[in-house]
Amino acid sequence: MAAKEPKNLLQVAKAQLETAKAQIEVARVQEKIVMAQAEAQ
């Protein structure tokens, strides 16, 4: 059981990194939408 912990922590860290990357992509898309809306007005 104890031997698996580091691998699990690594998997959790990788998952958190993927989540952060996805959030950054979402933020970039939202920024583009806001910019487009601002230009349209």
PDB file of N, CA and C in Angstrom:
ATOM      1  N   MET A   1       0.833  -1.203   0.000  1.00  0.00           N
ATOM      2  CA  MET A   1       0.000   0.000   0.000  1.00  0.00           C
ATOM      3  C   MET A   1       0.872   1.259   0.000  1.00  0.00           C
ATOM      4  N   ALA A   2       1.836   1.310   0.902  1.00  0.00           N
ATOM      5  CA  ALA A   2       2.684   2.502   1.028  1.00  0.00           C
ATOM      6  C   ALA A   2       3.499   2.733  -0.251  1.00  0.00           C
ATOM      7  N   ALA A   3       3.869   1.633  -0.917  1.00  0.00           N
ATOM      8  CA  ALA A   3       4.681   1.757  -2.119  1.00  0.00           C
ATOM      9  C   ALA A   3       3.905   2.418  -3.260  1.00  0.00           C
ATOM     10  N   LYS A   4       2.571   2.311  -3.218  1.00  0.00           N
ATOM     11  CA  LYS A   4       1.768   2.894  -4.292  1.00  0.00           C
ATOM     12  C   LYS A   4       1.567   4.397  -4.125  1.00  0.00           C
ATOM     13  N   GLU A   5       1.743   4.904  -2.927  1.00  0.00           N
ATOM     14  CA  GLU A   5       1.425   6.309  -2.652  1.00  0.00           C
ATOM     15  C   GLU A   5       2.130   7.307  -3.579  1.00  0.00           C
ATOM     16  N   PRO A   6       3.463   7.187  -3.758  1.00  0.00           N
ATOM     17  CA  PRO A   6       4.127   8.171  -4.620  1.00  0.00           C
ATOM     18  C   PRO A   6       3.545   8.186  -6.032  1.00  0.00           C
ATOM     19  N   LYS A   7       3.233   7.005  -6.576  1.00  0.00           N
ATOM     20  CA  LYS A   7       2.664   6.934  -7.921  1.00  0.00           C
ATOM     21  C   LYS A   7       1.291   7.600  -7.948  1.00  0.00           C
ATOM     22  N   ASN A   8       0.501   7.349  -6.915  1.00  0.00           N
ATOM     23  CA  ASN A   8      -0.815   7.964  -6.848  1.00  0.00           C
ATOM     24  C   ASN A   8      -0.695   9.482  -6.768  1.00  0.00           C
ATOM     25  N   LEU A   9       0.273   9.948  -5.958  1.00  0.00           N
ATOM     26  CA  LEU A   9       0.473  11.403  -5.837  1.00  0.00           C
ATOM     27  C   LEU A   9       0.894  11.990  -7.175  1.00  0.00           C
ATOM     28  N   LEU A  10       1.709  11.246  -7.907  1.00  0.00           N
ATOM     29  CA  LEU A  10       2.146  11.714  -9.225  1.00  0.00           C
ATOM     30  C   LEU A  10       0.953  11.789 -10.169  1.00  0.00           C
ATOM     31  N   GLN A  11       0.095  10.772 -10.109  1.00  0.00           N
ATOM     32  CA  GLN A  11      -1.099  10.770 -10.964  1.00  0.00           C
ATOM     33  C   GLN A  11      -2.020  11.932 -10.612  1.00  0.00           C
ATOM     34  N   VAL A  12      -2.158  12.204  -9.318  1.00  0.00           N
ATOM     35  CA  VAL A  12      -2.990  13.329  -8.878  1.00  0.00           C
ATOM     36  C   VAL A  12      -2.396  14.639  -9.396  1.00  0.00           C
ATOM     37  N   ALA A  13      -1.084  14.784  -9.276  1.00  0.00           N
ATOM     38  CA  ALA A  13      -0.423  15.997  -9.737  1.00  0.00           C
ATOM     39  C   ALA A  13      -0.604  16.169 -11.248  1.00  0.00           C
ATOM     40  N   LYS A  14      -0.498  15.068 -11.989  1.00  0.00           N
ATOM     41  CA  LYS A  14      -0.692  15.140 -13.443  1.00  0.00           C
ATOM     42  C   LYS A  14      -2.120  15.542 -13.765  1.00  0.00           C
ATOM     43  N   ALA A  15      -3.067  14.996 -13.031  1.00  0.00           N
ATOM     44  CA  ALA A  15      -4.476  15.332 -13.255  1.00  0.00           C
ATOM     45  C   ALA A  15      -4.723  16.808 -12.959  1.00  0.00           C
ATOM     46  N   GLN A  16      -4.102  17.301 -11.882  1.00  0.00           N
ATOM     47  CA  GLN A  16      -4.256  18.721 -11.526  1.00  0.00           C
ATOM     48  C   GLN A  16      -3.643  19.606 -12.606  1.00  0.00           C
ATOM     49  N   LEU A  17      -2.531  19.176 -13.164  1.00  0.00           N
ATOM     50  CA  LEU A  17      -1.887  19.935 -14.231  1.00  0.00           C
ATOM     51  C   LEU A  17      -2.786  19.979 -15.460  1.00  0.00           C
ATOM     52  N   GLU A  18      -3.382  18.833 -15.807  1.00  0.00           N
ATOM     53  CA  GLU A  18      -4.289  18.792 -16.958  1.00  0.00           C
ATOM     54  C   GLU A  18      -5.493  19.686 -16.722  1.00  0.00           C
ATOM     55  N   THR A  19      -5.996  19.679 -15.485  1.00  0.00           N
ATOM     56  CA  THR A  19      -7.132  20.535 -15.141  1.00  0.00           C
ATOM     57  C   THR A  19      -6.746  21.997 -15.295  1.00  0.00           C
ATOM     58  N   ALA A  20      -5.565  22.349 -14.815  1.00  0.00           N
ATOM     59  CA  ALA A  20      -5.102  23.739 -14.911  1.00  0.00           C
ATOM     60  C   ALA A  20      -4.952  24.153 -16.375  1.00  0.00           C
ATOM     61  N   LYS A  21      -4.420  23.248 -17.194  1.00  0.00           N
ATOM     62  CA  LYS A  21      -4.267  23.561 -18.622  1.00  0.00           C
ATOM     63  C   LYS A  21      -5.629  23.802 -19.261  1.00  0.00           C
ATOM     64  N   ALA A  22      -6.597  22.966 -18.896  1.00  0.00           N
ATOM     65  CA  ALA A  22      -7.943  23.108 -19.446  1.00  0.00           C
ATOM     66  C   ALA A  22      -8.550  24.442 -19.019  1.00  0.00           C
ATOM     67  N   GLN A  23      -8.331  24.819 -17.754  1.00  0.00           N
ATOM     68  CA  GLN A  23      -8.866  26.088 -17.252  1.00  0.00           C
ATOM     69  C   GLN A  23      -8.236  27.269 -17.982  1.00  0.00           C
ATOM     70  N   ILE A  24      -6.957  27.160 -18.282  1.00  0.00           N
ATOM     71  CA  ILE A  24      -6.272  28.225 -19.023  1.00  0.00           C
ATOM     72  C   ILE A  24      -6.875  28.346 -20.421  1.00  0.00           C
ATOM     73  N   GLU A  25      -7.135  27.208 -21.059  1.00  0.00           N
ATOM     74  CA  GLU A  25      -7.745  27.235 -22.393  1.00  0.00           C
ATOM     75  C   GLU A  25      -9.122  27.880 -22.341  1.00  0.00           C
ATOM     76  N   VAL A  26      -9.904  27.533 -21.330  1.00  0.00           N
ATOM     77  CA  VAL A  26     -11.231  28.125 -21.160  1.00  0.00           C
ATOM     78  C   VAL A  26     -11.102  29.635 -20.976  1.00  0.00           C
ATOM     79  N   ALA A  27     -10.147  30.054 -20.151  1.00  0.00           N
ATOM     80  CA  ALA A  27      -9.954  31.480 -19.897  1.00  0.00           C
ATOM     81  C   ALA A  27      -9.568  32.208 -21.185  1.00  0.00           C
ATOM     82  N   ARG A  28      -8.745  31.575 -22.012  1.00  0.00           N
ATOM     83  CA  ARG A  28      -8.339  32.199 -23.277  1.00  0.00           C
ATOM     84  C   ARG A  28      -9.536  32.371 -24.202  1.00  0.00           C
ATOM     85  N   VAL A  29     -10.385  31.361 -24.253  1.00  0.00           N
ATOM     86  CA  VAL A  29     -11.583  31.441 -25.101  1.00  0.00           C
ATOM     87  C   VAL A  29     -12.506  32.539 -24.584  1.00  0.00           C
ATOM     88  N   GLN A  30     -12.693  32.586 -23.273  1.00  0.00           N
ATOM     89  CA  GLN A  30     -13.550  33.614 -22.681  1.00  0.00           C
ATOM     90  C   GLN A  30     -13.000  35.003 -22.973  1.00  0.00           C
ATOM     91  N   GLU A  31     -11.686  35.137 -22.915  1.00  0.00           N
ATOM     92  CA  GLU A  31     -11.062  36.429 -23.198  1.00  0.00           C
ATOM     93  C   GLU A  31     -11.332  36.852 -24.641  1.00  0.00           C
ATOM     94  N   LYS A  32     -11.251  35.883 -25.575  1.00  0.00           N
ATOM     95  CA  LYS A  32     -11.523  36.186 -26.981  1.00  0.00           C
ATOM     96  C   LYS A  32     -12.968  36.639 -27.160  1.00  0.00           C
ATOM     97  N   ILE A  33     -13.880  35.958 -26.441  1.00  0.00           N
ATOM     98  CA  ILE A  33     -15.301  36.317 -26.530  1.00  0.00           C
ATOM     99  C   ILE A  33     -15.512  37.741 -26.021  1.00  0.00           C
ATOM    100  N   VAL A  34     -14.894  38.058 -24.890  1.00  0.00           N
ATOM    101  CA  VAL A  34     -15.036  39.400 -24.312  1.00  0.00           C
ATOM    102  C   VAL A  34     -14.476  40.444 -25.270  1.00  0.00           C
ATOM    103  N   MET A  35     -13.330  40.151 -25.851  1.00  0.00           N
ATOM    104  CA  MET A  35     -12.722  41.093 -26.796  1.00  0.00           C
ATOM    105  C   MET A  35     -13.630  41.306 -27.998  1.00  0.00           C
ATOM    106  N   ALA A  36     -14.208  40.219 -28.505  1.00  0.00           N
ATOM    107  CA  ALA A  36     -15.089  40.312 -29.667  1.00  0.00           C
ATOM    108  C   ALA A  36     -16.329  41.129 -29.329  1.00  0.00           C
ATOM    109  N   GLN A  37     -16.866  40.911 -28.144  1.00  0.00           N
ATOM    110  CA  GLN A  37     -18.051  41.659 -27.717  1.00  0.00           C
ATOM    111  C   GLN A  37     -17.717  43.148 -27.581  1.00  0.00           C
ATOM    112  N   ALA A  38     -16.543  43.430 -27.038  1.00  0.00           N
ATOM    113  CA  ALA A  38     -16.136  44.823 -26.850  1.00  0.00           C
ATOM    114  C   ALA A  38     -15.974  45.512 -28.208  1.00  0.00           C
ATOM    115  N   GLU A  39     -15.431  44.793 -29.190  1.00  0.00           N
ATOM    116  CA  GLU A  39     -15.241  45.372 -30.519  1.00  0.00           C
ATOM    117  C   GLU A  39     -16.581  45.582 -31.218  1.00  0.00           C
ATOM    118  N   ALA A  40     -17.529  44.686 -30.926  1.00  0.00           N
ATOM    119  CA  ALA A  40     -18.840  44.752 -31.588  1.00  0.00           C
ATOM    120  C   ALA A  40     -19.655  45.954 -31.112  1.00  0.00           C
ATOM    121  N   GLN A  41     -19.396  46.404 -29.913  1.00  0.00           N
ATOM    122  CA  GLN A  41     -20.187  47.505 -29.348  1.00  0.00           C
ATOM    123  C   GLN A  41     -19.750  48.853 -29.904  1.00  0.00           C
TER     124      GLN A  41
END
